[in-house]
Amino acid sequence: MTTHGPSVLRRAFRKANRITTRARDRFRGLPLRKAEIQQGRPIPPGRLIYLVANTEDVSWYLETGALAARSIREILSKNGLAIEGFARILDFGCGVARVIRQWQDLRGPQLFGTDYNPRLIDWCQANLTYANFNTNSLDQPLDKADGSFDFIYCLSVFTHLSEPLQQFWMDELFRVLSPGGYLLITTHGDHYLPMLTIEEQKNYREGHAVVQKTNREGSNDCAAFHPVSFVKESLAKKYEVIDFLPEGALGNPSQDLYLLRRPLESSPCTVAMKST
């Protein structure tokens, strides 16, 4: 007779451990929450942070957001650019404002954030008045005009999409980016090879993207891995590659960082809606 006792106990233990960890993180985060609120910088509820990062750790939320902003500033500066010099900036896949909150005191650019999770956007709209927030579909064009932005950044977005959706969004972001505008993306590169099976490693080394759990695209369960050659020759083929920093995404540890530019002489890209 088969017994399910050990497996049931393991599941119960893992569940209890998750509950304990989340409760601990909520408690530890109380002083940070109080300090940020006193400075006029509200922090989202732990349950919303958890949706994005599988943790309610407020210190993680604040520290990695600051590091991400720093990596954006540094790669722009390295290429003679400053974030203050842009007119309209889009945080694509803004989540619960981990990074865009770092621009609260930014003077000059208009700020926009978009995410396909309405719960996250609802909180952003209610609490962060210095930026414009909207929801987007996972597989439909943005409700934005051609050439709406001169800088777009997407942190750990293409790392969780199937290959067809990756190309769909690269085309769509090309459309809403002004000629000469910049796109910053992060990917899972060579650092993540140990996470792949032998067959997946073979495909990766041959220059192919590898995607795990495509049925969960858009969530952290889906993981995409990108060789440099695939990004430059396929994913970003319509863009100029301005810079590439292996493992350069400070706020998304060990992810590769690319700075791309839409060529000055380019026609708007027509993006077809996917059938639903």
Foldseek 3Di string as FASTA:
>chain_A
DDDCVVVVVVVVVVVVVLVVQQVVQVVVCVVVQVVCVVVLQHDDQLVQVCQAPVHSHVVLLAVLLVLQLVLVQVVQVVVVHGPLPWAEEEEEQCRLPSHVSVCLVRPHHAYEYEEQDVVSQVNCVVRPPRHHYDYDHLFFADPAQFQQTQEYEYECQLFQADPVSLLLVLLRVLRNHAAFGKYKYWFAEPVCLVVDDPVQNVCQVVFDKDWPPNVRGPGPNIGIYGYPNCVPVPSNVQWAWPDKDQQSSRSVGRIIMTMTGHHNPDDRRDRDGDDD
